[in-house]
Amino acid sequence: MQEGKLEVNLSILPKYRFETFKDEGKLGVGAGRMVPIRYTAKKLILQRGDSECCICLCRYEDAVAIQAIRCTHHFHTSCIVKWPKVEALCPVCKYDIHKGKDHE
């Protein structure tokens, strides 16, 4: 196997569902939060421009499954489970998902 394309166990990472804010207020249309599916983490606020998957570039819909990797970037669960088969680096910051450190 090539380096950076190792099998990665994403099942250990926290799982969330996206929840759109009912009162858009100052955050704007499309803003929402990542709500933990199990009690594994606190809710994370997502700004309007941060409420989309960086792999498929689609906005999160209410109740969709989201996963965050250790660098805190988040993606549709259905997208990120396929990603390490292509590349074991975060698609945004190149954080090494398998080794837990930045790719050099």
Protein backbone atom coordinates (compact mmCIF):
# COMPACT_ATOMS: atom_id res chain seq x y z
CA MET A 1 0.00 0.00 0.00
CA GLN A 2 1.13 3.54 -0.66
CA GLU A 3 1.78 5.81 2.32
CA GLY A 4 -1.24 7.97 3.03
CA LYS A 5 -3.62 5.28 1.76
CA LEU A 6 -3.68 3.05 4.83
CA GLU A 7 -6.87 1.52 6.19
CA VAL A 8 -8.24 3.89 8.83
CA ASN A 9 -10.70 2.87 11.54
CA LEU A 10 -13.14 5.79 11.43
CA SER A 11 -15.59 4.04 13.74
CA ILE A 12 -13.69 5.40 16.75
CA LEU A 13 -14.33 9.02 15.75
CA PRO A 14 -17.27 10.98 17.19
CA LYS A 15 -20.50 10.88 15.20
CA TYR A 16 -22.91 13.80 14.92
CA ARG A 17 -26.11 14.81 13.18
CA PHE A 18 -26.58 18.26 11.67
CA GLU A 19 -29.29 20.50 13.12
CA THR A 20 -30.24 23.75 11.37
CA PHE A 21 -30.87 26.72 13.64
CA LYS A 22 -34.58 27.52 13.81
CA ASP A 23 -33.86 31.21 14.52
CA GLU A 24 -31.29 32.19 11.90
CA GLY A 25 -30.50 35.48 13.64
CA LYS A 26 -27.02 36.85 13.11
CA LEU A 27 -25.54 33.53 11.94
CA GLY A 28 -27.61 33.55 8.73
CA VAL A 29 -29.43 31.00 6.61
CA GLY A 30 -27.84 27.55 6.62
CA ALA A 31 -26.09 27.93 9.98
CA GLY A 32 -26.53 25.10 12.42
CA ARG A 33 -24.83 22.83 14.90
CA MET A 34 -23.30 19.39 15.11
CA VAL A 35 -25.23 17.42 17.75
CA PRO A 36 -23.52 14.30 19.12
CA ILE A 37 -25.36 11.08 18.28
CA ARG A 38 -24.05 9.55 21.51
CA TYR A 39 -22.80 11.51 24.46
CA THR A 40 -19.24 11.80 23.18
CA ALA A 41 -18.79 15.53 22.77
CA LYS A 42 -20.52 18.85 23.22
CA LYS A 43 -22.56 20.50 20.49
CA LEU A 44 -20.43 22.40 18.01
CA ILE A 45 -21.74 25.58 16.37
CA LEU A 46 -21.27 25.77 12.61
CA GLN A 47 -21.36 29.11 10.81
CA ARG A 48 -23.31 29.35 7.57
CA GLY A 49 -20.20 28.97 5.42
CA ASP A 50 -19.03 26.00 7.48
CA SER A 51 -22.24 23.98 7.14
CA GLU A 52 -21.19 21.89 4.17
CA CYS A 53 -19.15 18.80 3.47
CA CYS A 54 -15.72 19.59 2.01
CA ILE A 55 -15.67 16.31 0.10
CA CYS A 56 -18.95 16.45 -1.84
CA LEU A 57 -19.46 20.24 -1.37
CA CYS A 58 -23.15 19.78 -0.42
CA ARG A 59 -24.78 21.67 2.45
CA TYR A 60 -25.76 19.63 5.47
CA GLU A 61 -29.47 18.88 5.77
CA ASP A 62 -31.26 18.45 9.10
CA ALA A 63 -30.57 15.12 10.83
CA VAL A 64 -27.86 14.06 8.34
CA ALA A 65 -25.01 11.99 9.83
CA ILE A 66 -21.72 13.90 10.18
CA GLN A 67 -18.31 12.77 11.40
CA ALA A 68 -15.47 14.92 12.69
CA ILE A 69 -11.84 13.86 12.49
CA ARG A 70 -9.22 14.81 15.08
CA CYS A 71 -8.29 18.04 13.31
CA THR A 72 -11.97 19.09 13.89
CA HIS A 73 -12.94 19.18 10.21
CA HIS A 74 -16.30 17.53 9.59
CA PHE A 75 -17.91 15.71 6.69
CA HIS A 76 -20.95 13.63 5.79
CA THR A 77 -20.37 10.20 7.31
CA SER A 78 -21.13 8.66 3.90
CA CYS A 79 -18.33 10.76 2.32
CA ILE A 80 -15.60 10.41 4.96
CA VAL A 81 -15.92 6.61 5.23
CA LYS A 82 -14.90 6.39 1.56
CA TRP A 83 -12.16 9.04 1.74
CA PRO A 84 -9.35 7.04 3.48
CA LYS A 85 -9.55 4.48 0.68
CA VAL A 86 -8.42 7.33 -1.58
CA GLU A 87 -6.24 9.35 0.80
CA ALA A 88 -5.61 9.06 4.57
CA LEU A 89 -5.20 12.83 4.91
CA CYS A 90 -7.84 15.36 5.86
CA PRO A 91 -9.14 16.84 2.59
CA VAL A 92 -8.97 20.33 4.11
CA CYS A 93 -5.75 20.63 6.14
CA LYS A 94 -3.83 17.44 5.19
CA TYR A 95 -3.88 16.18 8.81
CA ASP A 96 -2.76 12.54 8.78
CA ILE A 97 -5.89 10.65 9.85
CA HIS A 98 -4.02 7.38 10.42
CA LYS A 99 -0.96 8.62 12.26
CA GLY A 100 -2.56 11.54 14.10
CA LYS A 101 -0.14 14.20 12.90
CA ASP A 102 0.23 16.68 10.08
CA HIS A 103 1.42 15.34 6.73
CA GLU A 104 4.77 16.71 5.64
